[in-house]
Amino acid sequence: MIMNIKSRLIQIIFTLFGLSVLIFFLARVMPGDPARLALGPEATQEQVEDLRHKLGLDKPLPYQYWEFLKGLAHGKMGISLITKRDVSKDIKDRLPATLELIIFAMTFSVIVGVPLGIVAALKKDKFLDNFTRVFAFSGVSFPRFWIGIMFQLIFAYALSLLPLTGRISGDPPTHITGFYVLDSLLTLNFSALWDALLHLALPVLTLSLSPIAQITRLIRANMVEQMRKDYTLALRVNGLPENLNIYKYMLKNAFTSTLTIIGLLFGWLLGNAFVVETVFAWPGMARYGINSVIRKDFNAVVGVTLVVGITYVIINLIVDILYRYLDPRIGLEK
């Protein structure tokens, strides 16, 4: 069955258009006057009205949305009331920090969660299986901010093993992509590479605990199901090595359904990164978005939400494509 990527891209365009309409109008009807919040309580009414006119807030909402779309077509998202810069530039400066954090957290979650799930399935109802169950329950239950603070107290304050906050201690590497680890590798700046990895350790560990727990539980459940199927017994009877049976056949079939959750977890990480970024003073887009909501910086709210939406639909598209390769019976076009 041939994948119809073109139709999926059209669906993505309509999804993002609907998202832009929804978040634009919701941002405009939030309580509070953004012009008054930007100027402060000491500003006169004339100053507030003048800023409202400059921002176009005195125009009808459909006209404001049309102006927003025209700016978006040229890569502009409007002026931020907080930074007084174009929102697209603010996001461009902060997005690499958030994506670097999320990519490392997601990669770490898969590297740890999949083997734990396999071990739990192979040692079903034994000590290791019970241990992974407790770990999975704890990883989902504990709040992210509490875990982050505990890690700071233990590893940064008490043991002085890892940095407390921030993205890097010394000078950042030469800017190429905005990803400190990648830029350090490209410029062969190994001192900055080590520094950036040390600063990533605690935020990544804090953010990845819940995804590790969920991936572990899913892999375990799917592996147990695969172990009971006829093809597994047939491969064993025919003398296929157990490791080959586990990692080539059972894991591939077990991982197919888990892949969907991994795609959703990436979106979850993007939406929940603000907690970790706040605890560790991480200069990312998620914290910028939360501050924008608090201060009713509507252009920034719309811009951040659109970027999150674009990232989310792209990840889902990638997941659909990977589905096709893992299981040829699944197609994108019905």
C-alpha atoms as a PDB file:
ATOM      1  CA  MET A   1       0.000   0.000   0.000  1.00  0.00           C
ATOM      2  CA  ILE A   2       1.550   3.291  -1.157  1.00  0.00           C
ATOM      3  CA  MET A   3       1.917   6.097   1.382  1.00  0.00           C
ATOM      4  CA  ASN A   4       0.223   9.278   0.305  1.00  0.00           C
ATOM      5  CA  ILE A   5       2.550  11.845   1.832  1.00  0.00           C
ATOM      6  CA  LYS A   6       0.998  14.639  -0.220  1.00  0.00           C
ATOM      7  CA  SER A   7      -2.462  14.175   1.316  1.00  0.00           C
ATOM      8  CA  ARG A   8      -0.936  14.001   4.793  1.00  0.00           C
ATOM      9  CA  LEU A   9       0.895  17.285   4.197  1.00  0.00           C
ATOM     10  CA  ILE A  10      -2.400  18.889   3.117  1.00  0.00           C
ATOM     11  CA  GLN A  11      -3.983  17.669   6.353  1.00  0.00           C
ATOM     12  CA  ILE A  12      -1.074  19.202   8.269  1.00  0.00           C
ATOM     13  CA  ILE A  13      -1.617  22.574   6.579  1.00  0.00           C
ATOM     14  CA  PHE A  14      -5.313  22.603   7.490  1.00  0.00           C
ATOM     15  CA  THR A  15      -4.510  21.474  11.034  1.00  0.00           C
ATOM     16  CA  LEU A  16      -2.021  24.287  11.515  1.00  0.00           C
ATOM     17  CA  PHE A  17      -4.434  26.798   9.997  1.00  0.00           C
ATOM     18  CA  GLY A  18      -7.163  25.749  12.434  1.00  0.00           C
ATOM     19  CA  LEU A  19      -4.665  25.886  15.303  1.00  0.00           C
ATOM     20  CA  SER A  20      -3.602  29.406  14.324  1.00  0.00           C
ATOM     21  CA  VAL A  21      -7.212  30.613  14.200  1.00  0.00           C
ATOM     22  CA  LEU A  22      -8.054  29.056  17.564  1.00  0.00           C
ATOM     23  CA  ILE A  23      -5.007  30.258  19.479  1.00  0.00           C
ATOM     24  CA  PHE A  24      -5.057  33.729  17.855  1.00  0.00           C
ATOM     25  CA  PHE A  25      -8.590  34.496  18.968  1.00  0.00           C
ATOM     26  CA  LEU A  26      -8.110  32.866  22.381  1.00  0.00           C
ATOM     27  CA  ALA A  27      -5.008  35.002  22.968  1.00  0.00           C
ATOM     28  CA  ARG A  28      -6.962  38.133  22.068  1.00  0.00           C
ATOM     29  CA  VAL A  29      -9.848  37.436  24.458  1.00  0.00           C
ATOM     30  CA  MET A  30      -7.705  36.558  27.511  1.00  0.00           C
ATOM     31  CA  PRO A  31      -8.501  38.791  30.517  1.00  0.00           C
ATOM     32  CA  GLY A  32      -6.357  41.882  30.895  1.00  0.00           C
ATOM     33  CA  ASP A  33      -5.155  44.658  28.601  1.00  0.00           C
ATOM     34  CA  PRO A  34      -1.783  43.706  27.036  1.00  0.00           C
ATOM     35  CA  ALA A  35      -0.960  47.365  26.333  1.00  0.00           C
ATOM     36  CA  ARG A  36      -1.544  48.276  29.986  1.00  0.00           C
ATOM     37  CA  LEU A  37       0.502  45.288  31.160  1.00  0.00           C
ATOM     38  CA  ALA A  38       3.345  46.238  28.824  1.00  0.00           C
ATOM     39  CA  LEU A  39       3.473  49.891  29.911  1.00  0.00           C
ATOM     40  CA  GLY A  40       2.815  49.353  33.608  1.00  0.00           C
ATOM     41  CA  PRO A  41       0.312  50.903  36.029  1.00  0.00           C
ATOM     42  CA  GLU A  42       1.941  54.353  35.922  1.00  0.00           C
ATOM     43  CA  ALA A  43       1.314  54.870  32.198  1.00  0.00           C
ATOM     44  CA  THR A  44      -1.398  57.321  31.208  1.00  0.00           C
ATOM     45  CA  GLN A  45      -4.503  56.285  29.309  1.00  0.00           C
ATOM     46  CA  GLU A  46      -3.247  58.224  26.282  1.00  0.00           C
ATOM     47  CA  GLN A  47      -0.029  56.201  26.253  1.00  0.00           C
ATOM     48  CA  VAL A  48      -1.981  52.974  26.524  1.00  0.00           C
ATOM     49  CA  GLU A  49      -4.273  53.969  23.646  1.00  0.00           C
ATOM     50  CA  ASP A  50      -1.264  54.970  21.544  1.00  0.00           C
ATOM     51  CA  LEU A  51       0.358  51.553  22.062  1.00  0.00           C
ATOM     52  CA  ARG A  52      -2.915  49.805  21.292  1.00  0.00           C
ATOM     53  CA  HIS A  53      -3.059  51.730  18.016  1.00  0.00           C
ATOM     54  CA  LYS A  54       0.558  50.836  17.141  1.00  0.00           C
ATOM     55  CA  LEU A  55      -0.143  47.160  17.844  1.00  0.00           C
ATOM     56  CA  GLY A  56      -3.390  47.256  15.882  1.00  0.00           C
ATOM     57  CA  LEU A  57      -5.442  46.225  18.895  1.00  0.00           C
ATOM     58  CA  ASP A  58      -8.049  48.870  18.105  1.00  0.00           C
ATOM     59  CA  LYS A  59      -8.862  47.087  14.833  1.00  0.00           C
ATOM     60  CA  PRO A  60     -11.491  44.312  14.432  1.00  0.00           C
ATOM     61  CA  LEU A  61     -10.255  40.805  15.217  1.00  0.00           C
ATOM     62  CA  PRO A  62     -10.609  39.495  11.613  1.00  0.00           C
ATOM     63  CA  TYR A  63      -8.447  42.380  10.402  1.00  0.00           C
ATOM     64  CA  GLN A  64      -5.854  41.647  13.101  1.00  0.00           C
ATOM     65  CA  TYR A  65      -5.773  37.990  12.088  1.00  0.00           C
ATOM     66  CA  TRP A  66      -5.330  38.890   8.412  1.00  0.00           C
ATOM     67  CA  GLU A  67      -2.413  41.148   9.295  1.00  0.00           C
ATOM     68  CA  PHE A  68      -0.932  38.314  11.370  1.00  0.00           C
ATOM     69  CA  LEU A  69      -1.170  35.903   8.418  1.00  0.00           C
ATOM     70  CA  LYS A  70       0.507  38.422   6.105  1.00  0.00           C
ATOM     71  CA  GLY A  71       3.356  38.825   8.561  1.00  0.00           C
ATOM     72  CA  LEU A  72       3.606  35.067   9.022  1.00  0.00           C
ATOM     73  CA  ALA A  73       4.002  34.641   5.257  1.00  0.00           C
ATOM     74  CA  HIS A  74       7.142  36.804   5.533  1.00  0.00           C
ATOM     75  CA  GLY A  75       8.463  34.930   8.579  1.00  0.00           C
ATOM     76  CA  LYS A  76       7.269  37.480  11.124  1.00  0.00           C
ATOM     77  CA  MET A  77       5.022  36.815  14.119  1.00  0.00           C
ATOM     78  CA  GLY A  78       4.579  40.306  15.498  1.00  0.00           C
ATOM     79  CA  ILE A  79       6.393  42.272  18.177  1.00  0.00           C
ATOM     80  CA  SER A  80       6.762  40.813  21.662  1.00  0.00           C
ATOM     81  CA  LEU A  81       5.521  43.083  24.449  1.00  0.00           C
ATOM     82  CA  ILE A  82       8.223  41.702  26.761  1.00  0.00           C
ATOM     83  CA  THR A  83      11.381  41.795  24.631  1.00  0.00           C
ATOM     84  CA  LYS A  84      10.254  44.426  22.079  1.00  0.00           C
ATOM     85  CA  ARG A  85      11.625  42.168  19.341  1.00  0.00           C
ATOM     86  CA  ASP A  86       9.932  40.140  16.646  1.00  0.00           C
ATOM     87  CA  VAL A  87       8.602  36.927  18.187  1.00  0.00           C
ATOM     88  CA  SER A  88      10.158  34.848  15.393  1.00  0.00           C
ATOM     89  CA  LYS A  89      13.618  36.097  16.434  1.00  0.00           C
ATOM     90  CA  ASP A  90      12.921  35.329  20.095  1.00  0.00           C
ATOM     91  CA  ILE A  91      11.815  31.797  19.209  1.00  0.00           C
ATOM     92  CA  LYS A  92      14.790  31.321  16.877  1.00  0.00           C
ATOM     93  CA  ASP A  93      17.145  32.176  19.741  1.00  0.00           C
ATOM     94  CA  ARG A  94      15.413  29.922  22.296  1.00  0.00           C
ATOM     95  CA  LEU A  95      14.098  26.978  20.275  1.00  0.00           C
ATOM     96  CA  PRO A  96      17.480  25.178  19.892  1.00  0.00           C
ATOM     97  CA  ALA A  97      17.902  25.057  23.684  1.00  0.00           C
ATOM     98  CA  THR A  98      14.491  23.410  24.139  1.00  0.00           C
ATOM     99  CA  LEU A  99      14.919  21.001  21.229  1.00  0.00           C
ATOM    100  CA  GLU A 100      18.375  19.975  22.428  1.00  0.00           C
ATOM    101  CA  LEU A 101      16.954  19.219  25.862  1.00  0.00           C
ATOM    102  CA  ILE A 102      13.994  17.274  24.463  1.00  0.00           C
ATOM    103  CA  ILE A 103      16.004  15.289  21.892  1.00  0.00           C
ATOM    104  CA  PHE A 104      18.492  14.179  24.553  1.00  0.00           C
ATOM    105  CA  ALA A 105      15.658  13.340  26.962  1.00  0.00           C
ATOM    106  CA  MET A 106      13.769  11.333  24.325  1.00  0.00           C
ATOM    107  CA  THR A 107      16.897   9.493  23.189  1.00  0.00           C
ATOM    108  CA  PHE A 108      17.836   8.673  26.785  1.00  0.00           C
ATOM    109  CA  SER A 109      14.276   7.495  27.478  1.00  0.00           C
ATOM    110  CA  VAL A 110      14.335   5.044  24.578  1.00  0.00           C
ATOM    111  CA  ILE A 111      17.868   3.797  25.331  1.00  0.00           C
ATOM    112  CA  VAL A 112      16.943   3.079  28.958  1.00  0.00           C
ATOM    113  CA  GLY A 113      13.240   2.233  28.667  1.00  0.00           C
ATOM    114  CA  VAL A 114      13.448  -0.411  25.940  1.00  0.00           C
ATOM    115  CA  PRO A 115      16.096  -2.615  27.643  1.00  0.00           C
ATOM    116  CA  LEU A 116      14.292  -2.286  30.975  1.00  0.00           C
ATOM    117  CA  GLY A 117      11.062  -3.415  29.344  1.00  0.00           C
ATOM    118  CA  ILE A 118      12.780  -6.388  27.716  1.00  0.00           C
ATOM    119  CA  VAL A 119      14.419  -7.454  30.988  1.00  0.00           C
ATOM    120  CA  ALA A 120      11.121  -7.092  32.853  1.00  0.00           C
ATOM    121  CA  ALA A 121       9.351  -9.288  30.294  1.00  0.00           C
ATOM    122  CA  LEU A 122      12.058 -11.962  30.327  1.00  0.00           C
ATOM    123  CA  LYS A 123      12.085 -11.963  34.149  1.00  0.00           C
ATOM    124  CA  LYS A 124       8.312 -11.778  34.492  1.00  0.00           C
ATOM    125  CA  ASP A 125       7.068 -11.826  38.123  1.00  0.00           C
ATOM    126  CA  LYS A 126      10.642 -11.990  39.455  1.00  0.00           C
ATOM    127  CA  PHE A 127      12.680  -9.403  41.349  1.00  0.00           C
ATOM    128  CA  LEU A 128      13.778  -7.381  38.302  1.00  0.00           C
ATOM    129  CA  ASP A 129      10.229  -7.300  36.968  1.00  0.00           C
ATOM    130  CA  ASN A 130       8.860  -6.100  40.299  1.00  0.00           C
ATOM    131  CA  PHE A 131      11.638  -3.519  40.537  1.00  0.00           C
ATOM    132  CA  THR A 132      10.808  -2.074  37.108  1.00  0.00           C
ATOM    133  CA  ARG A 133       7.128  -1.902  38.062  1.00  0.00           C
ATOM    134  CA  VAL A 134       7.953   0.150  41.166  1.00  0.00           C
ATOM    135  CA  PHE A 135      10.306   2.342  39.112  1.00  0.00           C
ATOM    136  CA  ALA A 136       7.672   2.881  36.412  1.00  0.00           C
ATOM    137  CA  PHE A 137       5.007   3.768  38.972  1.00  0.00           C
ATOM    138  CA  SER A 138       7.357   6.193  40.725  1.00  0.00           C
ATOM    139  CA  GLY A 139       8.502   7.798  37.475  1.00  0.00           C
ATOM    140  CA  VAL A 140       4.936   8.599  36.458  1.00  0.00           C
ATOM    141  CA  SER A 141       3.760   9.688  39.909  1.00  0.00           C
ATOM    142  CA  PHE A 142       6.414  12.094  41.172  1.00  0.00           C
ATOM    143  CA  PRO A 143       6.078  15.742  40.012  1.00  0.00           C
ATOM    144  CA  ARG A 144       8.799  16.966  37.633  1.00  0.00           C
ATOM    145  CA  PHE A 145       9.638  20.068  39.648  1.00  0.00           C
ATOM    146  CA  TRP A 146      10.103  18.037  42.855  1.00  0.00           C
ATOM    147  CA  ILE A 147      12.380  15.538  41.105  1.00  0.00           C
ATOM    148  CA  GLY A 148      14.416  18.375  39.622  1.00  0.00           C
ATOM    149  CA  ILE A 149      14.879  20.063  42.990  1.00  0.00           C
ATOM    150  CA  MET A 150      15.871  16.758  44.616  1.00  0.00           C
ATOM    151  CA  PHE A 151      18.459  16.143  41.898  1.00  0.00           C
ATOM    152  CA  GLN A 152      19.819  19.643  42.400  1.00  0.00           C
ATOM    153  CA  LEU A 153      20.128  19.124  46.156  1.00  0.00           C
ATOM    154  CA  ILE A 154      21.809  15.729  45.798  1.00  0.00           C
ATOM    155  CA  PHE A 155      24.037  15.936  42.721  1.00  0.00           C
ATOM    156  CA  ALA A 156      24.733  19.677  42.511  1.00  0.00           C
ATOM    157  CA  TYR A 157      24.662  20.897  46.118  1.00  0.00           C
ATOM    158  CA  ALA A 158      25.568  17.911  48.326  1.00  0.00           C
ATOM    159  CA  LEU A 159      27.900  15.981  45.986  1.00  0.00           C
ATOM    160  CA  SER A 160      28.994  18.867  43.712  1.00  0.00           C
ATOM    161  CA  LEU A 161      29.087  16.490  40.754  1.00  0.00           C
ATOM    162  CA  LEU A 162      26.950  18.408  38.272  1.00  0.00           C
ATOM    163  CA  PRO A 163      26.078  22.061  37.573  1.00  0.00           C
ATOM    164  CA  LEU A 164      23.080  23.514  39.355  1.00  0.00           C
ATOM    165  CA  THR A 165      21.493  25.634  36.616  1.00  0.00           C
ATOM    166  CA  GLY A 166      22.108  27.100  33.201  1.00  0.00           C
ATOM    167  CA  ARG A 167      23.132  25.738  29.843  1.00  0.00           C
ATOM    168  CA  ILE A 168      26.900  26.245  29.989  1.00  0.00           C
ATOM    169  CA  SER A 169      29.378  27.709  32.489  1.00  0.00           C
ATOM    170  CA  GLY A 170      32.057  29.111  30.194  1.00  0.00           C
ATOM    171  CA  ASP A 171      31.845  30.702  26.791  1.00  0.00           C
ATOM    172  CA  PRO A 172      29.369  29.013  24.451  1.00  0.00           C
ATOM    173  CA  PRO A 173      30.725  27.410  21.282  1.00  0.00           C
ATOM    174  CA  THR A 174      30.726  29.271  17.990  1.00  0.00           C
ATOM    175  CA  HIS A 175      27.098  29.646  16.910  1.00  0.00           C
ATOM    176  CA  ILE A 176      26.248  27.428  13.936  1.00  0.00           C
ATOM    177  CA  THR A 177      23.007  25.623  14.752  1.00  0.00           C
ATOM    178  CA  GLY A 178      22.263  26.872  18.278  1.00  0.00           C
ATOM    179  CA  PHE A 179      22.654  23.325  19.640  1.00  0.00           C
ATOM    180  CA  TYR A 180      25.616  23.613  21.992  1.00  0.00           C
ATOM    181  CA  VAL A 181      26.568  19.939  21.785  1.00  0.00           C
ATOM    182  CA  LEU A 182      26.443  19.869  17.987  1.00  0.00           C
ATOM    183  CA  ASP A 183      28.192  23.230  17.624  1.00  0.00           C
ATOM    184  CA  SER A 184      30.946  22.043  19.973  1.00  0.00           C
ATOM    185  CA  LEU A 185      31.473  18.933  17.865  1.00  0.00           C
ATOM    186  CA  LEU A 186      31.489  20.888  14.607  1.00  0.00           C
ATOM    187  CA  THR A 187      34.072  23.347  15.931  1.00  0.00           C
ATOM    188  CA  LEU A 188      36.060  20.644  17.828  1.00  0.00           C
ATOM    189  CA  ASN A 189      35.579  22.606  21.045  1.00  0.00           C
ATOM    190  CA  PHE A 190      35.743  19.659  23.431  1.00  0.00           C
ATOM    191  CA  SER A 191      35.853  21.735  26.617  1.00  0.00           C
ATOM    192  CA  ALA A 192      32.549  23.380  25.659  1.00  0.00           C
ATOM    193  CA  LEU A 193      31.192  19.945  24.652  1.00  0.00           C
ATOM    194  CA  TRP A 194      31.937  18.474  28.081  1.00  0.00           C
ATOM    195  CA  ASP A 195      30.557  21.558  29.820  1.00  0.00           C
ATOM    196  CA  ALA A 196      27.328  21.433  27.782  1.00  0.00           C
ATOM    197  CA  LEU A 197      26.869  17.705  28.452  1.00  0.00           C
ATOM    198  CA  LEU A 198      27.326  18.225  32.198  1.00  0.00           C
ATOM    199  CA  HIS A 199      24.669  20.955  32.184  1.00  0.00           C
ATOM    200  CA  LEU A 200      22.323  18.702  30.211  1.00  0.00           C
ATOM    201  CA  ALA A 201      22.613  15.765  32.629  1.00  0.00           C
ATOM    202  CA  LEU A 202      20.228  16.811  35.404  1.00  0.00           C
ATOM    203  CA  PRO A 203      17.528  18.449  33.203  1.00  0.00           C
ATOM    204  CA  VAL A 204      17.541  15.456  30.847  1.00  0.00           C
ATOM    205  CA  LEU A 205      17.302  12.971  33.710  1.00  0.00           C
ATOM    206  CA  THR A 206      14.477  14.951  35.313  1.00  0.00           C
ATOM    207  CA  LEU A 207      12.511  15.270  32.088  1.00  0.00           C
ATOM    208  CA  SER A 208      13.016  11.673  30.960  1.00  0.00           C
ATOM    209  CA  LEU A 209      11.885   9.780  34.068  1.00  0.00           C
ATOM    210  CA  SER A 210       8.225   9.709  33.106  1.00  0.00           C
ATOM    211  CA  PRO A 211       8.848   8.695  29.449  1.00  0.00           C
ATOM    212  CA  ILE A 212      11.251   5.973  30.607  1.00  0.00           C
ATOM    213  CA  ALA A 213       8.567   4.611  32.916  1.00  0.00           C
ATOM    214  CA  GLN A 214       5.898   4.594  30.202  1.00  0.00           C
ATOM    215  CA  ILE A 215       8.160   3.058  27.547  1.00  0.00           C
ATOM    216  CA  THR A 216       9.271   0.373  30.007  1.00  0.00           C
ATOM    217  CA  ARG A 217       5.687  -0.576  30.837  1.00  0.00           C
ATOM    218  CA  LEU A 218       4.642  -0.719  27.173  1.00  0.00           C
ATOM    219  CA  ILE A 219       7.654  -2.735  26.016  1.00  0.00           C
ATOM    220  CA  ARG A 220       7.168  -5.180  28.874  1.00  0.00           C
ATOM    221  CA  ALA A 221       3.476  -5.688  28.130  1.00  0.00           C
ATOM    222  CA  ASN A 222       4.056  -6.055  24.383  1.00  0.00           C
ATOM    223  CA  MET A 223       7.020  -8.412  24.829  1.00  0.00           C
ATOM    224  CA  VAL A 224       4.999 -10.642  27.176  1.00  0.00           C
ATOM    225  CA  GLU A 225       2.266 -10.759  24.535  1.00  0.00           C
ATOM    226  CA  GLN A 226       4.760 -11.627  21.778  1.00  0.00           C
ATOM    227  CA  MET A 227       6.282 -14.411  23.881  1.00  0.00           C
ATOM    228  CA  ARG A 228       2.884 -16.141  23.998  1.00  0.00           C
ATOM    229  CA  LYS A 229       2.312 -16.125  20.234  1.00  0.00           C
ATOM    230  CA  ASP A 230       2.662 -19.193  18.009  1.00  0.00           C
ATOM    231  CA  TYR A 231       5.446 -17.819  15.818  1.00  0.00           C
ATOM    232  CA  THR A 232       7.687 -17.385  18.878  1.00  0.00           C
ATOM    233  CA  LEU A 233       7.179 -20.990  19.929  1.00  0.00           C
ATOM    234  CA  ALA A 234       7.753 -22.144  16.341  1.00  0.00           C
ATOM    235  CA  LEU A 235      11.061 -20.264  16.104  1.00  0.00           C
ATOM    236  CA  ARG A 236      12.217 -21.800  19.376  1.00  0.00           C
ATOM    237  CA  VAL A 237      11.251 -25.301  18.287  1.00  0.00           C
ATOM    238  CA  ASN A 238      13.208 -24.851  15.051  1.00  0.00           C
ATOM    239  CA  GLY A 239      16.332 -23.994  17.030  1.00  0.00           C
ATOM    240  CA  LEU A 240      16.583 -20.274  16.403  1.00  0.00           C
ATOM    241  CA  PRO A 241      18.963 -18.650  18.933  1.00  0.00           C
ATOM    242  CA  GLU A 242      17.018 -16.995  21.735  1.00  0.00           C
ATOM    243  CA  ASN A 243      18.759 -13.618  21.394  1.00  0.00           C
ATOM    244  CA  LEU A 244      17.955 -13.486  17.677  1.00  0.00           C
ATOM    245  CA  ASN A 245      14.367 -14.429  18.407  1.00  0.00           C
ATOM    246  CA  ILE A 246      14.058 -11.702  21.036  1.00  0.00           C
ATOM    247  CA  TYR A 247      15.764  -8.790  19.317  1.00  0.00           C
ATOM    248  CA  LYS A 248      14.959  -9.420  15.643  1.00  0.00           C
ATOM    249  CA  TYR A 249      11.392 -10.686  15.801  1.00  0.00           C
ATOM    250  CA  MET A 250       9.702 -10.160  19.159  1.00  0.00           C
ATOM    251  CA  LEU A 251      11.162  -6.707  19.825  1.00  0.00           C
ATOM    252  CA  LYS A 252      10.345  -5.488  16.310  1.00  0.00           C
ATOM    253  CA  ASN A 253       6.694  -6.491  16.706  1.00  0.00           C
ATOM    254  CA  ALA A 254       6.541  -5.169  20.270  1.00  0.00           C
ATOM    255  CA  PHE A 255       8.102  -1.854  19.289  1.00  0.00           C
ATOM    256  CA  THR A 256       5.532  -1.115  16.567  1.00  0.00           C
ATOM    257  CA  SER A 257       2.731  -0.197  18.968  1.00  0.00           C
ATOM    258  CA  THR A 258       5.185   1.532  21.309  1.00  0.00           C
ATOM    259  CA  LEU A 259       6.283   3.838  18.491  1.00  0.00           C
ATOM    260  CA  THR A 260       2.981   5.717  18.623  1.00  0.00           C
ATOM    261  CA  ILE A 261       3.440   6.430  22.321  1.00  0.00           C
ATOM    262  CA  ILE A 262       7.003   7.605  21.690  1.00  0.00           C
ATOM    263  CA  GLY A 263       5.680  10.142  19.183  1.00  0.00           C
ATOM    264  CA  LEU A 264       3.093  11.337  21.701  1.00  0.00           C
ATOM    265  CA  LEU A 265       5.749  11.461  24.421  1.00  0.00           C
ATOM    266  CA  PHE A 266       7.841  13.795  22.277  1.00  0.00           C
ATOM    267  CA  GLY A 267       4.911  16.181  22.178  1.00  0.00           C
ATOM    268  CA  TRP A 268       4.424  15.702  25.920  1.00  0.00           C
ATOM    269  CA  LEU A 269       8.071  16.591  26.534  1.00  0.00           C
ATOM    270  CA  LEU A 270       7.711  19.721  24.434  1.00  0.00           C
ATOM    271  CA  GLY A 271       4.622  20.771  26.361  1.00  0.00           C
ATOM    272  CA  ASN A 272       6.029  19.987  29.811  1.00  0.00           C
ATOM    273  CA  ALA A 273       9.583  21.235  29.330  1.00  0.00           C
ATOM    274  CA  PHE A 274       8.676  24.576  30.926  1.00  0.00           C
ATOM    275  CA  VAL A 275       8.757  23.021  34.416  1.00  0.00           C
ATOM    276  CA  VAL A 276      12.281  21.700  33.943  1.00  0.00           C
ATOM    277  CA  GLU A 277      13.423  24.878  32.208  1.00  0.00           C
ATOM    278  CA  THR A 278      12.148  26.940  35.130  1.00  0.00           C
ATOM    279  CA  VAL A 279      13.788  24.757  37.804  1.00  0.00           C
ATOM    280  CA  PHE A 280      17.146  24.662  36.006  1.00  0.00           C
ATOM    281  CA  ALA A 281      17.012  28.233  34.586  1.00  0.00           C
ATOM    282  CA  TRP A 282      17.233  26.758  31.103  1.00  0.00           C
ATOM    283  CA  PRO A 283      16.972  29.538  28.467  1.00  0.00           C
ATOM    284  CA  GLY A 284      14.502  27.708  26.248  1.00  0.00           C
ATOM    285  CA  MET A 285      11.320  28.393  24.343  1.00  0.00           C
ATOM    286  CA  ALA A 286       9.047  26.648  26.850  1.00  0.00           C
ATOM    287  CA  ARG A 287       9.889  29.054  29.667  1.00  0.00           C
ATOM    288  CA  TYR A 288       9.549  31.948  27.230  1.00  0.00           C
ATOM    289  CA  GLY A 289       6.051  30.716  26.345  1.00  0.00           C
ATOM    290  CA  ILE A 290       4.926  30.462  29.972  1.00  0.00           C
ATOM    291  CA  ASN A 291       6.175  33.975  30.726  1.00  0.00           C
ATOM    292  CA  SER A 292       4.294  35.167  27.654  1.00  0.00           C
ATOM    293  CA  VAL A 293       1.034  33.680  28.934  1.00  0.00           C
ATOM    294  CA  ILE A 294       1.517  35.200  32.405  1.00  0.00           C
ATOM    295  CA  ARG A 295       2.207  38.666  30.965  1.00  0.00           C
ATOM    296  CA  LYS A 296      -0.390  38.323  28.173  1.00  0.00           C
ATOM    297  CA  ASP A 297       2.170  38.744  25.426  1.00  0.00           C
ATOM    298  CA  PHE A 298      -0.336  37.520  22.831  1.00  0.00           C
ATOM    299  CA  ASN A 299       1.996  37.535  19.808  1.00  0.00           C
ATOM    300  CA  ALA A 300       4.505  35.382  21.694  1.00  0.00           C
ATOM    301  CA  VAL A 301       1.725  33.034  22.873  1.00  0.00           C
ATOM    302  CA  VAL A 302       0.529  32.508  19.308  1.00  0.00           C
ATOM    303  CA  GLY A 303       4.079  32.088  17.980  1.00  0.00           C
ATOM    304  CA  VAL A 304       5.123  29.530  20.584  1.00  0.00           C
ATOM    305  CA  THR A 305       1.896  27.559  20.169  1.00  0.00           C
ATOM    306  CA  LEU A 306       2.324  27.419  16.391  1.00  0.00           C
ATOM    307  CA  VAL A 307       5.902  26.186  16.719  1.00  0.00           C
ATOM    308  CA  VAL A 308       4.786  23.486  19.174  1.00  0.00           C
ATOM    309  CA  GLY A 309       1.976  22.510  16.780  1.00  0.00           C
ATOM    310  CA  ILE A 310       4.329  22.335  13.791  1.00  0.00           C
ATOM    311  CA  THR A 311       6.795  20.201  15.739  1.00  0.00           C
ATOM    312  CA  TYR A 312       4.034  17.915  16.941  1.00  0.00           C
ATOM    313  CA  VAL A 313       2.571  17.238  13.473  1.00  0.00           C
ATOM    314  CA  ILE A 314       6.038  16.695  11.986  1.00  0.00           C
ATOM    315  CA  ILE A 315       6.838  14.117  14.670  1.00  0.00           C
ATOM    316  CA  ASN A 316       3.535  12.346  13.995  1.00  0.00           C
ATOM    317  CA  LEU A 317       4.315  12.283  10.274  1.00  0.00           C
ATOM    318  CA  ILE A 318       7.715  10.734  10.993  1.00  0.00           C
ATOM    319  CA  VAL A 319       6.060   8.165  13.267  1.00  0.00           C
ATOM    320  CA  ASP A 320       3.613   7.229  10.481  1.00  0.00           C
ATOM    321  CA  ILE A 321       6.497   6.743   8.043  1.00  0.00           C
ATOM    322  CA  LEU A 322       8.431   4.606  10.525  1.00  0.00           C
ATOM    323  CA  TYR A 323       5.280   2.551  11.082  1.00  0.00           C
ATOM    324  CA  ARG A 324       5.302   1.707   7.395  1.00  0.00           C
ATOM    325  CA  TYR A 325       8.863   0.401   7.574  1.00  0.00           C
ATOM    326  CA  LEU A 326       8.372  -1.560  10.794  1.00  0.00           C
ATOM    327  CA  ASP A 327       5.148  -3.169   9.609  1.00  0.00           C
ATOM    328  CA  PRO A 328       4.591  -3.247   5.799  1.00  0.00           C
ATOM    329  CA  ARG A 329       0.940  -4.194   6.393  1.00  0.00           C
ATOM    330  CA  ILE A 330       0.288  -0.669   7.697  1.00  0.00           C
ATOM    331  CA  GLY A 331      -0.145   2.071   5.116  1.00  0.00           C
ATOM    332  CA  LEU A 332      -0.898   5.748   5.245  1.00  0.00           C
ATOM    333  CA  GLU A 333      -3.474   5.524   2.477  1.00  0.00           C
ATOM    334  CA  LYS A 334      -6.548   3.470   3.152  1.00  0.00           C
END
